[in-house]
Amino acid sequence: MEDIFVPIFLFAGITTIAVFFFYFSHRTRTRIQDTLQTAMEKGSVLTPELIRELGAVSNTRSTDLRRAILLVMLGIGILFYGQITDPGDWEFSGAALFPLLLGAGYFIVWKIDPDRVG
């Protein structure tokens, strides 16, 4: 019976994270639109650069490095946890490869992309 709770809580957790992500991104876009509407009502000059700045996603080089470090550390943590709880069993520890490789990818992007600000 308790074996069924693990996948239920796993998918419920993933769904909760996705719902919060979409909710907060929608709320941010709505606030930007409200700000633009208020500025237009007050007669402010809205340049194309300002509108582009408000809608732009800031993804700097430091963001890529931060993500790389966090994902690599998460992968190492999963690897250690898997080996501490069941030494020699690499099935659970193999799940550590996913965040490790994602972190390595972000590190490579951080290293080779000189055009980004940061």
N, C-alpha and C. Protein backbone atom coordinates (compact mmCIF):
# COMPACT_ATOMS: atom_id res chain seq x y z
N MET A 1 0.81 -1.19 0.00
CA MET A 1 0.00 0.00 0.00
C MET A 1 0.86 1.26 0.00
N GLU A 2 1.91 1.27 0.84
CA GLU A 2 2.72 2.48 0.91
C GLU A 2 3.61 2.66 -0.32
N ASP A 3 3.76 1.62 -1.15
CA ASP A 3 4.53 1.76 -2.38
C ASP A 3 3.82 2.67 -3.37
N ILE A 4 2.55 2.80 -3.27
CA ILE A 4 1.79 3.64 -4.20
C ILE A 4 1.92 5.12 -3.84
N PHE A 5 2.22 5.44 -2.58
CA PHE A 5 2.31 6.82 -2.16
C PHE A 5 3.52 7.55 -2.75
N VAL A 6 4.60 6.85 -2.98
CA VAL A 6 5.81 7.48 -3.52
C VAL A 6 5.54 8.11 -4.89
N PRO A 7 5.01 7.36 -5.87
CA PRO A 7 4.75 8.02 -7.15
C PRO A 7 3.67 9.09 -7.08
N ILE A 8 2.69 8.89 -6.21
CA ILE A 8 1.63 9.90 -6.08
C ILE A 8 2.23 11.21 -5.57
N PHE A 9 3.05 11.15 -4.52
CA PHE A 9 3.65 12.37 -3.99
C PHE A 9 4.67 12.96 -4.96
N LEU A 10 5.37 12.12 -5.71
CA LEU A 10 6.33 12.62 -6.70
C LEU A 10 5.61 13.44 -7.76
N PHE A 11 4.57 12.88 -8.36
CA PHE A 11 3.86 13.61 -9.41
C PHE A 11 3.09 14.80 -8.85
N ALA A 12 2.57 14.68 -7.65
CA ALA A 12 1.89 15.81 -7.03
C ALA A 12 2.87 16.95 -6.77
N GLY A 13 4.08 16.63 -6.35
CA GLY A 13 5.10 17.65 -6.13
C GLY A 13 5.51 18.34 -7.42
N ILE A 14 5.71 17.57 -8.47
CA ILE A 14 6.07 18.14 -9.77
C ILE A 14 4.95 19.03 -10.29
N THR A 15 3.71 18.56 -10.14
CA THR A 15 2.57 19.35 -10.59
C THR A 15 2.45 20.65 -9.80
N THR A 16 2.66 20.58 -8.51
CA THR A 16 2.60 21.78 -7.67
C THR A 16 3.65 22.80 -8.08
N ILE A 17 4.86 22.34 -8.34
CA ILE A 17 5.93 23.24 -8.77
C ILE A 17 5.56 23.89 -10.11
N ALA A 18 5.05 23.11 -11.05
CA ALA A 18 4.66 23.65 -12.35
C ALA A 18 3.55 24.68 -12.22
N VAL A 19 2.56 24.40 -11.38
CA VAL A 19 1.44 25.34 -11.20
C VAL A 19 1.96 26.65 -10.61
N PHE A 20 2.82 26.59 -9.60
CA PHE A 20 3.36 27.81 -9.02
C PHE A 20 4.19 28.59 -10.04
N PHE A 21 4.98 27.89 -10.83
CA PHE A 21 5.80 28.56 -11.85
C PHE A 21 4.91 29.33 -12.83
N PHE A 22 3.90 28.66 -13.37
CA PHE A 22 3.03 29.32 -14.34
C PHE A 22 2.21 30.44 -13.70
N TYR A 23 1.79 30.24 -12.47
CA TYR A 23 1.02 31.27 -11.78
C TYR A 23 1.85 32.54 -11.60
N PHE A 24 3.07 32.40 -11.09
CA PHE A 24 3.90 33.57 -10.83
C PHE A 24 4.38 34.23 -12.12
N SER A 25 4.64 33.46 -13.17
CA SER A 25 5.03 34.09 -14.43
C SER A 25 3.84 34.85 -15.03
N HIS A 26 2.63 34.31 -14.90
CA HIS A 26 1.44 35.02 -15.37
C HIS A 26 1.22 36.30 -14.56
N ARG A 27 1.41 36.21 -13.27
CA ARG A 27 1.23 37.38 -12.41
C ARG A 27 2.25 38.47 -12.75
N THR A 28 3.47 38.08 -13.07
CA THR A 28 4.49 39.05 -13.45
C THR A 28 4.12 39.76 -14.75
N ARG A 29 3.66 38.98 -15.75
CA ARG A 29 3.25 39.59 -17.02
C ARG A 29 2.06 40.53 -16.82
N THR A 30 1.12 40.15 -15.98
CA THR A 30 -0.03 40.99 -15.71
C THR A 30 0.39 42.30 -15.05
N ARG A 31 1.32 42.24 -14.12
CA ARG A 31 1.79 43.46 -13.45
C ARG A 31 2.51 44.37 -14.44
N ILE A 32 3.28 43.80 -15.35
CA ILE A 32 3.96 44.62 -16.36
C ILE A 32 2.93 45.32 -17.24
N GLN A 33 1.90 44.60 -17.64
CA GLN A 33 0.85 45.21 -18.46
C GLN A 33 0.12 46.30 -17.69
N ASP A 34 -0.15 46.08 -16.42
CA ASP A 34 -0.80 47.11 -15.60
C ASP A 34 0.07 48.35 -15.49
N THR A 35 1.36 48.15 -15.33
CA THR A 35 2.30 49.27 -15.24
C THR A 35 2.31 50.07 -16.54
N LEU A 36 2.33 49.38 -17.67
CA LEU A 36 2.30 50.07 -18.96
C LEU A 36 1.00 50.83 -19.14
N GLN A 37 -0.12 50.23 -18.75
CA GLN A 37 -1.41 50.89 -18.90
C GLN A 37 -1.49 52.13 -18.02
N THR A 38 -0.99 52.05 -16.80
CA THR A 38 -0.99 53.20 -15.90
C THR A 38 -0.11 54.31 -16.45
N ALA A 39 1.04 53.94 -17.00
CA ALA A 39 1.94 54.94 -17.57
C ALA A 39 1.29 55.62 -18.77
N MET A 40 0.58 54.86 -19.59
CA MET A 40 -0.10 55.44 -20.75
C MET A 40 -1.22 56.38 -20.31
N GLU A 41 -1.95 56.01 -19.27
CA GLU A 41 -3.05 56.85 -18.77
C GLU A 41 -2.53 58.17 -18.20
N LYS A 42 -1.34 58.15 -17.63
CA LYS A 42 -0.76 59.37 -17.06
C LYS A 42 -0.05 60.21 -18.11
N GLY A 43 0.03 59.68 -19.34
CA GLY A 43 0.62 60.46 -20.43
C GLY A 43 2.12 60.32 -20.56
N SER A 44 2.71 59.33 -19.95
CA SER A 44 4.15 59.12 -20.06
C SER A 44 4.51 58.65 -21.46
N VAL A 45 5.73 58.97 -21.86
CA VAL A 45 6.21 58.54 -23.18
C VAL A 45 6.76 57.12 -23.04
N LEU A 46 6.21 56.23 -23.85
CA LEU A 46 6.65 54.85 -23.82
C LEU A 46 7.47 54.58 -25.08
N THR A 47 8.76 54.50 -24.92
CA THR A 47 9.63 54.23 -26.06
C THR A 47 9.65 52.73 -26.33
N PRO A 48 9.97 52.34 -27.56
CA PRO A 48 10.07 50.91 -27.86
C PRO A 48 11.13 50.21 -27.01
N GLU A 49 12.19 50.93 -26.66
CA GLU A 49 13.25 50.35 -25.83
C GLU A 49 12.73 50.02 -24.44
N LEU A 50 11.92 50.92 -23.87
CA LEU A 50 11.35 50.70 -22.55
C LEU A 50 10.43 49.49 -22.55
N ILE A 51 9.58 49.40 -23.56
CA ILE A 51 8.65 48.27 -23.65
C ILE A 51 9.43 46.97 -23.81
N ARG A 52 10.48 47.00 -24.62
CA ARG A 52 11.32 45.81 -24.82
C ARG A 52 12.02 45.41 -23.51
N GLU A 53 12.48 46.43 -22.76
CA GLU A 53 13.14 46.17 -21.47
C GLU A 53 12.19 45.51 -20.47
N LEU A 54 10.96 45.99 -20.42
CA LEU A 54 9.99 45.44 -19.47
C LEU A 54 9.63 44.00 -19.80
N GLY A 55 9.60 43.66 -21.06
CA GLY A 55 9.21 42.32 -21.45
C GLY A 55 10.36 41.36 -21.58
N ALA A 56 11.58 41.87 -21.46
CA ALA A 56 12.76 41.02 -21.67
C ALA A 56 13.02 40.15 -20.46
N VAL A 57 13.47 38.95 -20.73
CA VAL A 57 13.88 38.03 -19.68
C VAL A 57 15.37 38.22 -19.47
N SER A 58 15.75 38.54 -18.25
CA SER A 58 17.17 38.75 -17.98
C SER A 58 17.83 37.40 -17.69
N ASN A 59 18.63 36.97 -18.63
CA ASN A 59 19.35 35.71 -18.49
C ASN A 59 20.82 36.01 -18.71
N THR A 60 21.48 36.34 -17.63
CA THR A 60 22.88 36.75 -17.72
C THR A 60 23.80 35.55 -17.59
N ARG A 61 25.07 35.80 -17.80
CA ARG A 61 26.06 34.74 -17.66
C ARG A 61 26.08 34.23 -16.23
N SER A 62 25.91 35.13 -15.26
CA SER A 62 25.93 34.69 -13.87
C SER A 62 24.76 33.76 -13.56
N THR A 63 23.63 33.93 -14.26
CA THR A 63 22.49 33.03 -14.08
C THR A 63 22.86 31.63 -14.54
N ASP A 64 23.54 31.53 -15.69
CA ASP A 64 23.96 30.22 -16.19
C ASP A 64 24.95 29.56 -15.23
N LEU A 65 25.90 30.35 -14.71
CA LEU A 65 26.86 29.78 -13.76
C LEU A 65 26.17 29.33 -12.48
N ARG A 66 25.23 30.13 -11.99
CA ARG A 66 24.49 29.78 -10.77
C ARG A 66 23.71 28.48 -10.97
N ARG A 67 23.04 28.36 -12.12
CA ARG A 67 22.29 27.14 -12.41
C ARG A 67 23.23 25.94 -12.52
N ALA A 68 24.37 26.15 -13.16
CA ALA A 68 25.34 25.06 -13.31
C ALA A 68 25.80 24.55 -11.95
N ILE A 69 26.15 25.46 -11.08
CA ILE A 69 26.64 25.06 -9.75
C ILE A 69 25.54 24.35 -8.97
N LEU A 70 24.32 24.89 -8.99
CA LEU A 70 23.23 24.26 -8.24
C LEU A 70 22.91 22.86 -8.77
N LEU A 71 22.87 22.69 -10.09
CA LEU A 71 22.54 21.39 -10.65
C LEU A 71 23.65 20.36 -10.41
N VAL A 72 24.90 20.79 -10.51
CA VAL A 72 26.00 19.86 -10.22
C VAL A 72 25.97 19.44 -8.76
N MET A 73 25.74 20.39 -7.87
CA MET A 73 25.67 20.05 -6.44
C MET A 73 24.48 19.15 -6.14
N LEU A 74 23.35 19.38 -6.80
CA LEU A 74 22.19 18.50 -6.64
C LEU A 74 22.52 17.09 -7.10
N GLY A 75 23.18 16.97 -8.25
CA GLY A 75 23.58 15.65 -8.75
C GLY A 75 24.54 14.95 -7.81
N ILE A 76 25.50 15.68 -7.26
CA ILE A 76 26.44 15.09 -6.32
C ILE A 76 25.71 14.66 -5.05
N GLY A 77 24.77 15.48 -4.60
CA GLY A 77 23.98 15.12 -3.41
C GLY A 77 23.17 13.85 -3.63
N ILE A 78 22.53 13.73 -4.78
CA ILE A 78 21.77 12.51 -5.09
C ILE A 78 22.70 11.31 -5.16
N LEU A 79 23.86 11.50 -5.76
CA LEU A 79 24.84 10.41 -5.85
C LEU A 79 25.27 9.93 -4.47
N PHE A 80 25.61 10.88 -3.60
CA PHE A 80 26.03 10.50 -2.25
C PHE A 80 24.89 9.86 -1.46
N TYR A 81 23.70 10.42 -1.57
CA TYR A 81 22.56 9.85 -0.86
C TYR A 81 22.31 8.42 -1.32
N GLY A 82 22.38 8.19 -2.61
CA GLY A 82 22.16 6.84 -3.14
C GLY A 82 23.19 5.85 -2.65
N GLN A 83 24.43 6.30 -2.53
CA GLN A 83 25.49 5.40 -2.09
C GLN A 83 25.50 5.21 -0.57
N ILE A 84 25.04 6.20 0.17
CA ILE A 84 24.98 6.06 1.62
C ILE A 84 23.84 5.14 2.02
N THR A 85 22.68 5.29 1.38
CA THR A 85 21.53 4.48 1.76
C THR A 85 21.64 3.04 1.29
N ASP A 86 22.25 2.82 0.12
CA ASP A 86 22.39 1.46 -0.41
C ASP A 86 23.71 1.36 -1.18
N PRO A 87 24.82 1.12 -0.46
CA PRO A 87 26.13 1.08 -1.11
C PRO A 87 26.19 0.01 -2.20
N GLY A 88 26.77 0.39 -3.30
CA GLY A 88 26.94 -0.55 -4.40
C GLY A 88 25.77 -0.61 -5.36
N ASP A 89 24.62 -0.05 -4.98
CA ASP A 89 23.46 -0.03 -5.87
C ASP A 89 23.48 1.26 -6.66
N TRP A 90 23.74 1.14 -7.95
CA TRP A 90 23.90 2.32 -8.80
C TRP A 90 22.62 2.72 -9.52
N GLU A 91 21.51 1.99 -9.27
CA GLU A 91 20.27 2.35 -9.95
C GLU A 91 19.75 3.71 -9.47
N PHE A 92 19.70 3.91 -8.18
CA PHE A 92 19.24 5.19 -7.65
C PHE A 92 20.28 6.27 -7.91
N SER A 93 21.53 5.92 -7.76
CA SER A 93 22.59 6.91 -7.97
C SER A 93 22.70 7.31 -9.43
N GLY A 94 22.21 6.45 -10.32
CA GLY A 94 22.21 6.81 -11.74
C GLY A 94 21.32 8.00 -12.03
N ALA A 95 20.34 8.25 -11.18
CA ALA A 95 19.49 9.43 -11.34
C ALA A 95 20.29 10.71 -11.16
N ALA A 96 21.44 10.62 -10.54
CA ALA A 96 22.30 11.79 -10.35
C ALA A 96 22.88 12.28 -11.67
N LEU A 97 22.91 11.44 -12.67
CA LEU A 97 23.47 11.86 -13.96
C LEU A 97 22.65 12.96 -14.61
N PHE A 98 21.34 12.94 -14.43
CA PHE A 98 20.49 13.95 -15.06
C PHE A 98 20.84 15.37 -14.61
N PRO A 99 20.82 15.69 -13.31
CA PRO A 99 21.20 17.06 -12.93
C PRO A 99 22.68 17.34 -13.16
N LEU A 100 23.54 16.32 -13.04
CA LEU A 100 24.96 16.54 -13.30
C LEU A 100 25.20 16.97 -14.73
N LEU A 101 24.59 16.29 -15.68
CA LEU A 101 24.79 16.63 -17.09
C LEU A 101 24.11 17.96 -17.45
N LEU A 102 22.95 18.25 -16.85
CA LEU A 102 22.34 19.56 -17.07
C LEU A 102 23.25 20.67 -16.54
N GLY A 103 23.81 20.46 -15.38
CA GLY A 103 24.74 21.45 -14.82
C GLY A 103 25.98 21.61 -15.68
N ALA A 104 26.49 20.51 -16.22
CA ALA A 104 27.64 20.59 -17.11
C ALA A 104 27.28 21.37 -18.37
N GLY A 105 26.07 21.16 -18.88
CA GLY A 105 25.63 21.90 -20.05
C GLY A 105 25.55 23.39 -19.78
N TYR A 106 24.98 23.77 -18.65
CA TYR A 106 24.92 25.19 -18.29
C TYR A 106 26.33 25.77 -18.12
N PHE A 107 27.24 24.97 -17.56
CA PHE A 107 28.62 25.45 -17.40
C PHE A 107 29.27 25.68 -18.76
N ILE A 108 29.02 24.78 -19.70
CA ILE A 108 29.58 24.94 -21.05
C ILE A 108 29.02 26.18 -21.71
N VAL A 109 27.71 26.41 -21.58
CA VAL A 109 27.09 27.61 -22.15
C VAL A 109 27.70 28.85 -21.51
N TRP A 110 27.89 28.82 -20.20
CA TRP A 110 28.49 29.95 -19.49
C TRP A 110 29.91 30.22 -20.00
N LYS A 111 30.63 29.15 -20.27
CA LYS A 111 32.03 29.29 -20.68
C LYS A 111 32.18 29.79 -22.11
N ILE A 112 31.33 29.32 -23.03
CA ILE A 112 31.58 29.62 -24.44
C ILE A 112 30.75 30.77 -25.01
N ASP A 113 29.84 31.35 -24.25
CA ASP A 113 28.98 32.41 -24.78
C ASP A 113 29.47 33.77 -24.29
N PRO A 114 30.33 34.44 -25.07
CA PRO A 114 30.87 35.73 -24.62
C PRO A 114 29.93 36.89 -24.85
N ASP A 115 28.84 36.70 -25.59
CA ASP A 115 27.95 37.81 -25.93
C ASP A 115 27.03 38.21 -24.80
N ARG A 116 26.85 37.37 -23.84
CA ARG A 116 25.93 37.68 -22.74
C ARG A 116 26.57 38.67 -21.79
N VAL A 117 25.70 39.40 -21.15
CA VAL A 117 26.15 40.39 -20.17
C VAL A 117 26.42 39.68 -18.86
N GLY A 118 27.44 40.10 -18.14
CA GLY A 118 27.63 39.50 -16.83
C GLY A 118 29.00 39.34 -16.39
